[in-house]
PDB file of N, CA and C in Angstrom:
ATOM      1  N   MET A   1     -19.373 124.250  79.461  1.00  0.00           N
ATOM      2  CA  MET A   1     -20.503 123.720  78.728  1.00  0.00           C
ATOM      3  C   MET A   1     -20.157 122.387  78.056  1.00  0.00           C
ATOM      4  N   LEU A   2     -18.987 122.300  77.438  1.00  0.00           N
ATOM      5  CA  LEU A   2     -18.578 121.055  76.788  1.00  0.00           C
ATOM      6  C   LEU A   2     -18.381 119.939  77.807  1.00  0.00           C
ATOM      7  N   GLU A   3     -17.887 120.299  78.994  1.00  0.00           N
ATOM      8  CA  GLU A   3     -17.699 119.305  80.055  1.00  0.00           C
ATOM      9  C   GLU A   3     -19.046 118.740  80.502  1.00  0.00           C
ATOM     10  N   GLN A   4     -20.043 119.600  80.614  1.00  0.00           N
ATOM     11  CA  GLN A   4     -21.380 119.163  81.005  1.00  0.00           C
ATOM     12  C   GLN A   4     -21.979 118.233  79.946  1.00  0.00           C
ATOM     13  N   LEU A   5     -21.796 118.562  78.672  1.00  0.00           N
ATOM     14  CA  LEU A   5     -22.293 117.700  77.600  1.00  0.00           C
ATOM     15  C   LEU A   5     -21.589 116.348  77.602  1.00  0.00           C
ATOM     16  N   ARG A   6     -20.297 116.371  77.863  1.00  0.00           N
ATOM     17  CA  ARG A   6     -19.525 115.135  77.920  1.00  0.00           C
ATOM     18  C   ARG A   6     -20.013 114.248  79.062  1.00  0.00           C
ATOM     19  N   ASN A   7     -20.252 114.845  80.221  1.00  0.00           N
ATOM     20  CA  ASN A   7     -20.748 114.079  81.366  1.00  0.00           C
ATOM     21  C   ASN A   7     -22.133 113.504  81.094  1.00  0.00           C
ATOM     22  N   ARG A   8     -22.977 114.286  80.442  1.00  0.00           N
ATOM     23  CA  ARG A   8     -24.312 113.792  80.099  1.00  0.00           C
ATOM     24  C   ARG A   8     -24.230 112.636  79.109  1.00  0.00           C
ATOM     25  N   ARG A   9     -23.320 112.737  78.146  1.00  0.00           N
ATOM     26  CA  ARG A   9     -23.159 111.677  77.152  1.00  0.00           C
ATOM     27  C   ARG A   9     -22.664 110.393  77.821  1.00  0.00           C
ATOM     28  N   ILE A  10     -21.692 110.510  78.719  1.00  0.00           N
ATOM     29  CA  ILE A  10     -21.162 109.337  79.422  1.00  0.00           C
ATOM     30  C   ILE A  10     -22.246 108.704  80.285  1.00  0.00           C
ATOM     31  N   THR A  11     -22.996 109.538  80.989  1.00  0.00           N
ATOM     32  CA  THR A  11     -24.088 109.027  81.825  1.00  0.00           C
ATOM     33  C   THR A  11     -25.140 108.336  80.970  1.00  0.00           C
ATOM     34  N   ALA A  12     -25.482 108.926  79.839  1.00  0.00           N
ATOM     35  CA  ALA A  12     -26.464 108.316  78.941  1.00  0.00           C
ATOM     36  C   ALA A  12     -25.965 106.972  78.423  1.00  0.00           C
ATOM     37  N   TYR A  13     -24.682 106.874  78.080  1.00  0.00           N
ATOM     38  CA  TYR A  13     -24.117 105.595  77.641  1.00  0.00           C
ATOM     39  C   TYR A  13     -24.211 104.545  78.750  1.00  0.00           C
ATOM     40  N   CYS A  14     -23.850 104.920  79.965  1.00  0.00           N
ATOM     41  CA  CYS A  14     -23.897 103.973  81.080  1.00  0.00           C
ATOM     42  C   CYS A  14     -25.319 103.499  81.358  1.00  0.00           C
ATOM     43  N   LEU A  15     -26.262 104.432  81.386  1.00  0.00           N
ATOM     44  CA  LEU A  15     -27.651 104.054  81.632  1.00  0.00           C
ATOM     45  C   LEU A  15     -28.236 103.269  80.463  1.00  0.00           C
ATOM     46  N   LEU A  16     -27.770 103.548  79.261  1.00  0.00           N
ATOM     47  CA  LEU A  16     -28.185 102.762  78.103  1.00  0.00           C
ATOM     48  C   LEU A  16     -27.711 101.318  78.257  1.00  0.00           C
ATOM     49  N   GLY A  17     -26.502 101.146  78.758  1.00  0.00           N
ATOM     50  CA  GLY A  17     -25.994  99.799  79.042  1.00  0.00           C
ATOM     51  C   GLY A  17     -26.828  99.095  80.098  1.00  0.00           C
ATOM     52  N   VAL A  18     -27.226  99.827  81.126  1.00  0.00           N
ATOM     53  CA  VAL A  18     -28.086  99.256  82.164  1.00  0.00           C
ATOM     54  C   VAL A  18     -29.424  98.826  81.566  1.00  0.00           C
ATOM     55  N   CYS A  19     -29.990  99.659  80.698  1.00  0.00           N
ATOM     56  CA  CYS A  19     -31.268  99.317  80.039  1.00  0.00           C
ATOM     57  C   CYS A  19     -31.135  98.052  79.200  1.00  0.00           C
ATOM     58  N   LEU A  20     -30.102  97.994  78.404  1.00  0.00           N
ATOM     59  CA  LEU A  20     -29.931  96.847  77.513  1.00  0.00           C
ATOM     60  C   LEU A  20     -29.664  95.557  78.289  1.00  0.00           C
ATOM     61  N   LEU A  21     -28.859  95.648  79.340  1.00  0.00           N
ATOM     62  CA  LEU A  21     -28.619  94.467  80.177  1.00  0.00           C
ATOM     63  C   LEU A  21     -29.882  94.036  80.911  1.00  0.00           C
ATOM     64  N   THR A  22     -30.686  95.006  81.341  1.00  0.00           N
ATOM     65  CA  THR A  22     -31.950  94.681  82.002  1.00  0.00           C
ATOM     66  C   THR A  22     -32.863  93.922  81.054  1.00  0.00           C
ATOM     67  N   VAL A  23     -32.993  94.416  79.829  1.00  0.00           N
ATOM     68  CA  VAL A  23     -33.821  93.727  78.835  1.00  0.00           C
ATOM     69  C   VAL A  23     -33.270  92.319  78.582  1.00  0.00           C
ATOM     70  N   LEU A  24     -31.970  92.200  78.426  1.00  0.00           N
ATOM     71  CA  LEU A  24     -31.354  90.899  78.163  1.00  0.00           C
ATOM     72  C   LEU A  24     -31.623  89.914  79.295  1.00  0.00           C
ATOM     73  N   PHE A  25     -31.432  90.349  80.543  1.00  0.00           N
ATOM     74  CA  PHE A  25     -31.629  89.461  81.687  1.00  0.00           C
ATOM     75  C   PHE A  25     -33.098  89.069  81.840  1.00  0.00           C
ATOM     76  N   VAL A  26     -34.013  90.011  81.616  1.00  0.00           N
ATOM     77  CA  VAL A  26     -35.439  89.721  81.790  1.00  0.00           C
ATOM     78  C   VAL A  26     -35.948  88.816  80.667  1.00  0.00           C
ATOM     79  N   VAL A  27     -35.571  89.123  79.439  1.00  0.00           N
ATOM     80  CA  VAL A  27     -36.060  88.332  78.295  1.00  0.00           C
ATOM     81  C   VAL A  27     -35.528  86.906  78.337  1.00  0.00           C
ATOM     82  N   THR A  28     -34.277  86.742  78.714  1.00  0.00           N
ATOM     83  CA  THR A  28     -33.705  85.395  78.764  1.00  0.00           C
ATOM     84  C   THR A  28     -34.134  84.618  80.010  1.00  0.00           C
ATOM     85  N   GLY A  29     -34.703  85.301  80.987  1.00  0.00           N
ATOM     86  CA  GLY A  29     -35.201  84.626  82.182  1.00  0.00           C
ATOM     87  C   GLY A  29     -34.129  84.260  83.194  1.00  0.00           C
ATOM     88  N   LEU A  30     -32.980  84.891  83.109  1.00  0.00           N
ATOM     89  CA  LEU A  30     -31.926  84.622  84.084  1.00  0.00           C
ATOM     90  C   LEU A  30     -32.368  85.111  85.461  1.00  0.00           C
ATOM     91  N   THR A  31     -32.281  84.237  86.446  1.00  0.00           N
ATOM     92  CA  THR A  31     -32.662  84.620  87.806  1.00  0.00           C
ATOM     93  C   THR A  31     -31.441  84.536  88.709  1.00  0.00           C
ATOM     94  N   THR A  32     -30.744  85.633  88.787  1.00  0.00           N
ATOM     95  CA  THR A  32     -29.572  85.726  89.644  1.00  0.00           C
ATOM     96  C   THR A  32     -29.701  86.997  90.487  1.00  0.00           C
ATOM     97  N   PRO A  33     -28.912  87.101  91.544  1.00  0.00           N
ATOM     98  CA  PRO A  33     -28.916  88.342  92.311  1.00  0.00           C
ATOM     99  C   PRO A  33     -28.475  89.545  91.469  1.00  0.00           C
ATOM    100  N   VAL A  34     -27.692  89.296  90.434  1.00  0.00           N
ATOM    101  CA  VAL A  34     -27.266  90.387  89.541  1.00  0.00           C
ATOM    102  C   VAL A  34     -28.473  90.974  88.824  1.00  0.00           C
ATOM    103  N   ARG A  35     -29.390  90.122  88.403  1.00  0.00           N
ATOM    104  CA  ARG A  35     -30.603  90.606  87.735  1.00  0.00           C
ATOM    105  C   ARG A  35     -31.411  91.494  88.673  1.00  0.00           C
ATOM    106  N   THR A  36     -31.562  91.061  89.916  1.00  0.00           N
ATOM    107  CA  THR A  36     -32.309  91.848  90.890  1.00  0.00           C
ATOM    108  C   THR A  36     -31.679  93.213  91.079  1.00  0.00           C
ATOM    109  N   LEU A  37     -30.378  93.243  91.245  1.00  0.00           N
ATOM    110  CA  LEU A  37     -29.662  94.507  91.423  1.00  0.00           C
ATOM    111  C   LEU A  37     -29.755  95.368  90.169  1.00  0.00           C
ATOM    112  N   LEU A  38     -29.627  94.760  89.009  1.00  0.00           N
ATOM    113  CA  LEU A  38     -29.680  95.484  87.747  1.00  0.00           C
ATOM    114  C   LEU A  38     -31.055  96.112  87.521  1.00  0.00           C
ATOM    115  N   VAL A  39     -32.108  95.353  87.762  1.00  0.00           N
ATOM    116  CA  VAL A  39     -33.458  95.892  87.609  1.00  0.00           C
ATOM    117  C   VAL A  39     -33.699  97.000  88.620  1.00  0.00           C
ATOM    118  N   LEU A  40     -33.213  96.837  89.832  1.00  0.00           N
ATOM    119  CA  LEU A  40     -33.360  97.876  90.850  1.00  0.00           C
ATOM    120  C   LEU A  40     -32.650  99.165  90.446  1.00  0.00           C
ATOM    121  N   VAL A  41     -31.439  99.047  89.930  1.00  0.00           N
ATOM    122  CA  VAL A  41     -30.707 100.224  89.452  1.00  0.00           C
ATOM    123  C   VAL A  41     -31.448 100.872  88.289  1.00  0.00           C
ATOM    124  N   PHE A  42     -31.944 100.051  87.367  1.00  0.00           N
ATOM    125  CA  PHE A  42     -32.691 100.589  86.229  1.00  0.00           C
ATOM    126  C   PHE A  42     -33.932 101.341  86.689  1.00  0.00           C
ATOM    127  N   VAL A  43     -34.740 100.695  87.501  1.00  0.00           N
ATOM    128  CA  VAL A  43     -36.028 101.257  87.909  1.00  0.00           C
ATOM    129  C   VAL A  43     -35.860 102.536  88.726  1.00  0.00           C
ATOM    130  N   THR A  44     -34.773 102.647  89.471  1.00  0.00           N
ATOM    131  CA  THR A  44     -34.599 103.827  90.328  1.00  0.00           C
ATOM    132  C   THR A  44     -33.830 104.969  89.666  1.00  0.00           C
ATOM    133  N   THR A  45     -33.262 104.751  88.480  1.00  0.00           N
ATOM    134  CA  THR A  45     -32.462 105.834  87.895  1.00  0.00           C
ATOM    135  C   THR A  45     -32.773 106.160  86.439  1.00  0.00           C
ATOM    136  N   ALA A  46     -32.779 105.177  85.581  1.00  0.00           N
ATOM    137  CA  ALA A  46     -32.767 105.425  84.134  1.00  0.00           C
ATOM    138  C   ALA A  46     -33.977 106.167  83.584  1.00  0.00           C
ATOM    139  N   PRO A  47     -35.220 105.757  83.878  1.00  0.00           N
ATOM    140  CA  PRO A  47     -36.347 106.483  83.273  1.00  0.00           C
ATOM    141  C   PRO A  47     -36.395 107.952  83.694  1.00  0.00           C
ATOM    142  N   GLY A  48     -36.148 108.210  84.944  1.00  0.00           N
ATOM    143  CA  GLY A  48     -36.167 109.591  85.431  1.00  0.00           C
ATOM    144  C   GLY A  48     -35.036 110.420  84.865  1.00  0.00           C
ATOM    145  N   TRP A  49     -33.837 109.832  84.766  1.00  0.00           N
ATOM    146  CA  TRP A  49     -32.708 110.586  84.217  1.00  0.00           C
ATOM    147  C   TRP A  49     -32.945 110.900  82.745  1.00  0.00           C
ATOM    148  N   ALA A  50     -33.517 109.934  82.025  1.00  0.00           N
ATOM    149  CA  ALA A  50     -33.793 110.166  80.602  1.00  0.00           C
ATOM    150  C   ALA A  50     -34.773 111.318  80.408  1.00  0.00           C
ATOM    151  N   LEU A  51     -35.715 111.481  81.319  1.00  0.00           N
ATOM    152  CA  LEU A  51     -36.684 112.573  81.212  1.00  0.00           C
ATOM    153  C   LEU A  51     -36.149 113.889  81.767  1.00  0.00           C
ATOM    154  N   ILE A  52     -35.514 113.850  82.928  1.00  0.00           N
ATOM    155  CA  ILE A  52     -35.078 115.088  83.586  1.00  0.00           C
ATOM    156  C   ILE A  52     -33.923 115.743  82.826  1.00  0.00           C
ATOM    157  N   SER A  53     -33.225 115.002  82.021  1.00  0.00           N
ATOM    158  CA  SER A  53     -32.106 115.582  81.273  1.00  0.00           C
ATOM    159  C   SER A  53     -32.552 116.530  80.178  1.00  0.00           C
ATOM    160  N   TYR A  54     -33.840 116.503  79.849  1.00  0.00           N
ATOM    161  CA  TYR A  54     -34.349 117.479  78.894  1.00  0.00           C
ATOM    162  C   TYR A  54     -34.545 118.847  79.547  1.00  0.00           C
ATOM    163  N   VAL A  55     -34.552 118.876  80.865  1.00  0.00           N
ATOM    164  CA  VAL A  55     -34.673 120.128  81.602  1.00  0.00           C
ATOM    165  C   VAL A  55     -33.265 120.612  81.927  1.00  0.00           C
ATOM    166  N   ASN A  56     -33.006 121.873  81.747  1.00  0.00           N
ATOM    167  CA  ASN A  56     -31.671 122.415  81.986  1.00  0.00           C
ATOM    168  C   ASN A  56     -31.479 122.671  83.485  1.00  0.00           C
ATOM    169  N   VAL A  57     -31.036 121.642  84.204  1.00  0.00           N
ATOM    170  CA  VAL A  57     -30.750 121.755  85.632  1.00  0.00           C
ATOM    171  C   VAL A  57     -29.259 121.985  85.782  1.00  0.00           C
ATOM    172  N   ARG A  58     -28.895 122.987  86.531  1.00  0.00           N
ATOM    173  CA  ARG A  58     -27.481 123.366  86.623  1.00  0.00           C
ATOM    174  C   ARG A  58     -26.675 122.503  87.591  1.00  0.00           C
ATOM    175  N   HIS A  59     -27.310 121.961  88.587  1.00  0.00           N
ATOM    176  CA  HIS A  59     -26.583 121.188  89.600  1.00  0.00           C
ATOM    177  C   HIS A  59     -26.784 119.692  89.372  1.00  0.00           C
ATOM    178  N   VAL A  60     -25.697 118.971  89.404  1.00  0.00           N
ATOM    179  CA  VAL A  60     -25.742 117.526  89.160  1.00  0.00           C
ATOM    180  C   VAL A  60     -26.550 116.837  90.261  1.00  0.00           C
ATOM    181  N   SER A  61     -26.398 117.286  91.497  1.00  0.00           N
ATOM    182  CA  SER A  61     -27.126 116.648  92.598  1.00  0.00           C
ATOM    183  C   SER A  61     -28.638 116.804  92.428  1.00  0.00           C
ATOM    184  N   VAL A  62     -29.078 117.964  91.985  1.00  0.00           N
ATOM    185  CA  VAL A  62     -30.508 118.185  91.754  1.00  0.00           C
ATOM    186  C   VAL A  62     -30.990 117.308  90.603  1.00  0.00           C
ATOM    187  N   THR A  63     -30.165 117.145  89.597  1.00  0.00           N
ATOM    188  CA  THR A  63     -30.527 116.274  88.478  1.00  0.00           C
ATOM    189  C   THR A  63     -30.742 114.850  88.957  1.00  0.00           C
ATOM    190  N   TRP A  64     -29.818 114.330  89.760  1.00  0.00           N
ATOM    191  CA  TRP A  64     -29.921 112.944  90.214  1.00  0.00           C
ATOM    192  C   TRP A  64     -31.041 112.740  91.209  1.00  0.00           C
ATOM    193  N   ILE A  65     -31.252 113.686  92.112  1.00  0.00           N
ATOM    194  CA  ILE A  65     -32.361 113.578  93.065  1.00  0.00           C
ATOM    195  C   ILE A  65     -33.685 113.579  92.302  1.00  0.00           C
ATOM    196  N   SER A  66     -33.794 114.471  91.329  1.00  0.00           N
ATOM    197  CA  SER A  66     -35.002 114.532  90.509  1.00  0.00           C
ATOM    198  C   SER A  66     -35.169 113.267  89.679  1.00  0.00           C
ATOM    199  N   ALA A  67     -34.075 112.737  89.165  1.00  0.00           N
ATOM    200  CA  ALA A  67     -34.130 111.516  88.352  1.00  0.00           C
ATOM    201  C   ALA A  67     -34.637 110.339  89.178  1.00  0.00           C
ATOM    202  N   VAL A  68     -34.151 110.191  90.393  1.00  0.00           N
ATOM    203  CA  VAL A  68     -34.594 109.090  91.250  1.00  0.00           C
ATOM    204  C   VAL A  68     -36.068 109.263  91.605  1.00  0.00           C
ATOM    205  N   GLY A  69     -36.457 110.471  91.990  1.00  0.00           N
ATOM    206  CA  GLY A  69     -37.857 110.714  92.324  1.00  0.00           C
ATOM    207  C   GLY A  69     -38.783 110.476  91.152  1.00  0.00           C
ATOM    208  N   LEU A  70     -38.392 110.958  89.993  1.00  0.00           N
ATOM    209  CA  LEU A  70     -39.202 110.775  88.789  1.00  0.00           C
ATOM    210  C   LEU A  70     -39.258 109.302  88.370  1.00  0.00           C
ATOM    211  N   SER A  71     -38.146 108.602  88.503  1.00  0.00           N
ATOM    212  CA  SER A  71     -38.118 107.171  88.175  1.00  0.00           C
ATOM    213  C   SER A  71     -39.064 106.385  89.078  1.00  0.00           C
ATOM    214  N   LEU A  72     -38.994 106.663  90.368  1.00  0.00           N
ATOM    215  CA  LEU A  72     -39.873 105.946  91.292  1.00  0.00           C
ATOM    216  C   LEU A  72     -41.342 106.275  91.031  1.00  0.00           C
ATOM    217  N   ALA A  73     -41.638 107.543  90.760  1.00  0.00           N
ATOM    218  CA  ALA A  73     -43.017 107.931  90.467  1.00  0.00           C
ATOM    219  C   ALA A  73     -43.509 107.256  89.193  1.00  0.00           C
ATOM    220  N   LEU A  74     -42.690 107.238  88.165  1.00  0.00           N
ATOM    221  CA  LEU A  74     -43.064 106.614  86.902  1.00  0.00           C
ATOM    222  C   LEU A  74     -43.279 105.114  87.069  1.00  0.00           C
ATOM    223  N   THR A  75     -42.417 104.474  87.829  1.00  0.00           N
ATOM    224  CA  THR A  75     -42.547 103.045  88.078  1.00  0.00           C
ATOM    225  C   THR A  75     -43.822 102.738  88.859  1.00  0.00           C
ATOM    226  N   LEU A  76     -44.151 103.594  89.832  1.00  0.00           N
ATOM    227  CA  LEU A  76     -45.389 103.400  90.590  1.00  0.00           C
ATOM    228  C   LEU A  76     -46.622 103.564  89.709  1.00  0.00           C
ATOM    229  N   VAL A  77     -46.587 104.511  88.795  1.00  0.00           N
ATOM    230  CA  VAL A  77     -47.713 104.706  87.874  1.00  0.00           C
ATOM    231  C   VAL A  77     -47.860 103.479  86.974  1.00  0.00           C
ATOM    232  N   VAL A  78     -46.762 102.957  86.463  1.00  0.00           N
ATOM    233  CA  VAL A  78     -46.822 101.762  85.611  1.00  0.00           C
ATOM    234  C   VAL A  78     -47.374 100.581  86.411  1.00  0.00           C
ATOM    235  N   ALA A  79     -46.894 100.388  87.634  1.00  0.00           N
ATOM    236  CA  ALA A  79     -47.388  99.287  88.470  1.00  0.00           C
ATOM    237  C   ALA A  79     -48.868  99.457  88.781  1.00  0.00           C
ATOM    238  N   GLN A  80     -49.276 100.684  89.052  1.00  0.00           N
ATOM    239  CA  GLN A  80     -50.691 100.936  89.324  1.00  0.00           C
ATOM    240  C   GLN A  80     -51.557 100.631  88.107  1.00  0.00           C
ATOM    241  N   MET A  81     -51.069 100.973  86.934  1.00  0.00           N
ATOM    242  CA  MET A  81     -51.806 100.664  85.705  1.00  0.00           C
ATOM    243  C   MET A  81     -51.923  99.153  85.496  1.00  0.00           C
ATOM    244  N   LEU A  82     -50.876  98.421  85.839  1.00  0.00           N
ATOM    245  CA  LEU A  82     -50.932  96.955  85.731  1.00  0.00           C
ATOM    246  C   LEU A  82     -51.985  96.388  86.677  1.00  0.00           C
ATOM    247  N   VAL A  83     -52.069  96.936  87.877  1.00  0.00           N
ATOM    248  CA  VAL A  83     -53.045  96.461  88.848  1.00  0.00           C
ATOM    249  C   VAL A  83     -54.465  96.822  88.413  1.00  0.00           C
ATOM    250  N   LEU A  84     -54.654  98.057  87.997  1.00  0.00           N
ATOM    251  CA  LEU A  84     -55.999  98.515  87.627  1.00  0.00           C
ATOM    252  C   LEU A  84     -56.558  97.806  86.400  1.00  0.00           C
ATOM    253  N   THR A  85     -55.690  97.441  85.469  1.00  0.00           N
ATOM    254  CA  THR A  85     -56.153  96.772  84.248  1.00  0.00           C
ATOM    255  C   THR A  85     -56.182  95.250  84.397  1.00  0.00           C
ATOM    256  N   HIS A  86     -55.820  94.746  85.568  1.00  0.00           N
ATOM    257  CA  HIS A  86     -55.760  93.300  85.833  1.00  0.00           C
ATOM    258  C   HIS A  86     -54.857  92.594  84.830  1.00  0.00           C
ATOM    259  N   ALA A  87     -53.835  93.287  84.395  1.00  0.00           N
ATOM    260  CA  ALA A  87     -52.866  92.722  83.443  1.00  0.00           C
ATOM    261  C   ALA A  87     -51.498  92.716  84.117  1.00  0.00           C
ATOM    262  N   TRP A  88     -51.360  91.881  85.134  1.00  0.00           N
ATOM    263  CA  TRP A  88     -50.140  91.878  85.925  1.00  0.00           C
ATOM    264  C   TRP A  88     -49.045  91.101  85.210  1.00  0.00           C
ATOM    265  N   HIS A  89     -48.257  91.836  84.429  1.00  0.00           N
ATOM    266  CA  HIS A  89     -47.115  91.270  83.713  1.00  0.00           C
ATOM    267  C   HIS A  89     -45.919  92.190  83.968  1.00  0.00           C
ATOM    268  N   PRO A  90     -45.330  92.120  85.159  1.00  0.00           N
ATOM    269  CA  PRO A  90     -44.262  93.062  85.502  1.00  0.00           C
ATOM    270  C   PRO A  90     -43.025  92.923  84.624  1.00  0.00           C
ATOM    271  N   GLU A  91     -42.715  91.715  84.181  1.00  0.00           N
ATOM    272  CA  GLU A  91     -41.539  91.547  83.330  1.00  0.00           C
ATOM    273  C   GLU A  91     -41.732  92.253  81.992  1.00  0.00           C
ATOM    274  N   ALA A  92     -42.920  92.111  81.424  1.00  0.00           N
ATOM    275  CA  ALA A  92     -43.210  92.802  80.164  1.00  0.00           C
ATOM    276  C   ALA A  92     -43.179  94.321  80.371  1.00  0.00           C
ATOM    277  N   ALA A  93     -43.684  94.771  81.504  1.00  0.00           N
ATOM    278  CA  ALA A  93     -43.681  96.211  81.789  1.00  0.00           C
ATOM    279  C   ALA A  93     -42.261  96.746  81.913  1.00  0.00           C
ATOM    280  N   VAL A  94     -41.388  95.983  82.552  1.00  0.00           N
ATOM    281  CA  VAL A  94     -39.984  96.412  82.688  1.00  0.00           C
ATOM    282  C   VAL A  94     -39.318  96.470  81.319  1.00  0.00           C
ATOM    283  N   VAL A  95     -39.582  95.486  80.482  1.00  0.00           N
ATOM    284  CA  VAL A  95     -38.982  95.466  79.139  1.00  0.00           C
ATOM    285  C   VAL A  95     -39.464  96.655  78.326  1.00  0.00           C
ATOM    286  N   VAL A  96     -40.774  96.915  78.335  1.00  0.00           N
ATOM    287  CA  VAL A  96     -41.315  98.054  77.579  1.00  0.00           C
ATOM    288  C   VAL A  96     -40.747  99.361  78.101  1.00  0.00           C
ATOM    289  N   LEU A  97     -40.697  99.514  79.432  1.00  0.00           N
ATOM    290  CA  LEU A  97     -40.135 100.732  80.021  1.00  0.00           C
ATOM    291  C   LEU A  97     -38.655 100.887  79.656  1.00  0.00           C
ATOM    292  N   ALA A  98     -37.918  99.780  79.638  1.00  0.00           N
ATOM    293  CA  ALA A  98     -36.498  99.837  79.296  1.00  0.00           C
ATOM    294  C   ALA A  98     -36.290 100.199  77.827  1.00  0.00           C
ATOM    295  N   VAL A  99     -37.135  99.687  76.954  1.00  0.00           N
ATOM    296  CA  VAL A  99     -37.009 100.007  75.522  1.00  0.00           C
ATOM    297  C   VAL A  99     -37.321 101.486  75.288  1.00  0.00           C
ATOM    298  N   LEU A 100     -38.392 101.984  75.909  1.00  0.00           N
ATOM    299  CA  LEU A 100     -38.728 103.403  75.765  1.00  0.00           C
ATOM    300  C   LEU A 100     -37.634 104.301  76.350  1.00  0.00           C
ATOM    301  N   THR A 101     -37.116 103.902  77.498  1.00  0.00           N
ATOM    302  CA  THR A 101     -36.027 104.666  78.123  1.00  0.00           C
ATOM    303  C   THR A 101     -34.780 104.633  77.254  1.00  0.00           C
ATOM    304  N   SER A 102     -34.498 103.497  76.638  1.00  0.00           N
ATOM    305  CA  SER A 102     -33.333 103.381  75.750  1.00  0.00           C
ATOM    306  C   SER A 102     -33.429 104.341  74.570  1.00  0.00           C
ATOM    307  N   ALA A 103     -34.634 104.497  74.050  1.00  0.00           N
ATOM    308  CA  ALA A 103     -34.824 105.428  72.927  1.00  0.00           C
ATOM    309  C   ALA A 103     -34.506 106.859  73.368  1.00  0.00           C
ATOM    310  N   LEU A 104     -34.979 107.247  74.541  1.00  0.00           N
ATOM    311  CA  LEU A 104     -34.677 108.592  75.047  1.00  0.00           C
ATOM    312  C   LEU A 104     -33.184 108.760  75.329  1.00  0.00           C
ATOM    313  N   LEU A 105     -32.567 107.734  75.892  1.00  0.00           N
ATOM    314  CA  LEU A 105     -31.135 107.815  76.188  1.00  0.00           C
ATOM    315  C   LEU A 105     -30.314 107.887  74.900  1.00  0.00           C
ATOM    316  N   ALA A 106     -30.718 107.147  73.884  1.00  0.00           N
ATOM    317  CA  ALA A 106     -30.018 107.226  72.597  1.00  0.00           C
ATOM    318  C   ALA A 106     -30.121 108.634  72.022  1.00  0.00           C
ATOM    319  N   HIS A 107     -31.264 109.264  72.200  1.00  0.00           N
ATOM    320  CA  HIS A 107     -31.415 110.651  71.752  1.00  0.00           C
ATOM    321  C   HIS A 107     -30.475 111.572  72.521  1.00  0.00           C
ATOM    322  N   HIS A 108     -30.304 111.332  73.821  1.00  0.00           N
ATOM    323  CA  HIS A 108     -29.368 112.137  74.609  1.00  0.00           C
ATOM    324  C   HIS A 108     -27.930 111.955  74.131  1.00  0.00           C
ATOM    325  N   VAL A 109     -27.578 110.727  73.760  1.00  0.00           N
ATOM    326  CA  VAL A 109     -26.223 110.472  73.255  1.00  0.00           C
ATOM    327  C   VAL A 109     -25.985 111.272  71.983  1.00  0.00           C
ATOM    328  N   VAL A 110     -26.938 111.231  71.068  1.00  0.00           N
ATOM    329  CA  VAL A 110     -26.795 111.956  69.803  1.00  0.00           C
ATOM    330  C   VAL A 110     -26.806 113.458  70.042  1.00  0.00           C
ATOM    331  N   ARG A 111     -27.680 113.909  70.920  1.00  0.00           N
ATOM    332  CA  ARG A 111     -27.840 115.338  71.190  1.00  0.00           C
ATOM    333  C   ARG A 111     -26.617 115.948  71.879  1.00  0.00           C
ATOM    334  N   SER A 112     -25.906 115.156  72.681  1.00  0.00           N
ATOM    335  CA  SER A 112     -24.794 115.710  73.452  1.00  0.00           C
ATOM    336  C   SER A 112     -23.438 115.539  72.779  1.00  0.00           C
ATOM    337  N   ARG A 113     -23.438 115.114  71.522  1.00  0.00           N
ATOM    338  CA  ARG A 113     -22.158 115.011  70.801  1.00  0.00           C
ATOM    339  C   ARG A 113     -21.563 116.396  70.624  1.00  0.00           C
ATOM    340  N   PRO A 114     -20.244 116.485  70.722  1.00  0.00           N
ATOM    341  CA  PRO A 114     -19.616 117.798  70.503  1.00  0.00           C
ATOM    342  C   PRO A 114     -19.755 118.227  69.057  1.00  0.00           C
ATOM    343  N   PRO A 115     -19.831 119.522  68.817  1.00  0.00           N
ATOM    344  CA  PRO A 115     -19.950 119.998  67.429  1.00  0.00           C
ATOM    345  C   PRO A 115     -18.681 119.664  66.644  1.00  0.00           C
ATOM    346  N   ARG A 116     -18.874 119.350  65.379  1.00  0.00           N
ATOM    347  CA  ARG A 116     -17.726 119.035  64.514  1.00  0.00           C
ATOM    348  C   ARG A 116     -16.982 120.297  64.139  1.00  0.00           C
ATOM    349  N   GLU A 117     -15.730 120.112  63.831  1.00  0.00           N
ATOM    350  CA  GLU A 117     -14.916 121.222  63.347  1.00  0.00           C
ATOM    351  C   GLU A 117     -15.417 121.656  61.970  1.00  0.00           C
ATOM    352  N   ALA A 118     -15.235 122.898  61.634  1.00  0.00           N
ATOM    353  CA  ALA A 118     -15.724 123.425  60.361  1.00  0.00           C
ATOM    354  C   ALA A 118     -15.056 122.722  59.163  1.00  0.00           C
ATOM    355  N   GLY A 119     -13.769 122.406  59.254  1.00  0.00           N
ATOM    356  CA  GLY A 119     -13.055 121.807  58.141  1.00  0.00           C
ATOM    357  C   GLY A 119     -13.028 120.296  58.171  1.00  0.00           C
ATOM    358  N   ALA A 120     -13.426 119.681  59.293  1.00  0.00           N
ATOM    359  CA  ALA A 120     -13.347 118.220  59.404  1.00  0.00           C
ATOM    360  C   ALA A 120     -14.535 117.551  58.715  1.00  0.00           C
ATOM    361  N   ARG A 121     -14.273 116.373  58.157  1.00  0.00           N
ATOM    362  CA  ARG A 121     -15.345 115.591  57.508  1.00  0.00           C
ATOM    363  C   ARG A 121     -15.361 114.201  57.992  1.00  0.00           C
TER     364      ARG A 121
END
């Protein structure tokens, strides 16, 4: 159980880094192949992992498959909303999605901390 919490915490930290770098690259307007790859990694993994981690899935492979599927579905819904509202601002949508995902990932980091010792302060 502690190993699973540790892995979730490490994954949440890594995806939190991806979210923050995505926001940084998009807000500053850097146009490099790294930005494209970073946004692609973010859009296909982070939002879904942040949501699916609230469900107690026992297998890591099922967690990741579900995370990718959920991320793609969520991204498609956001894109569809941008089209339907005639408010096509994909960069703003990515930033908002990354900020919301970061909040969920930060909660996972706090939630997966190991319990403190009874005598430690």
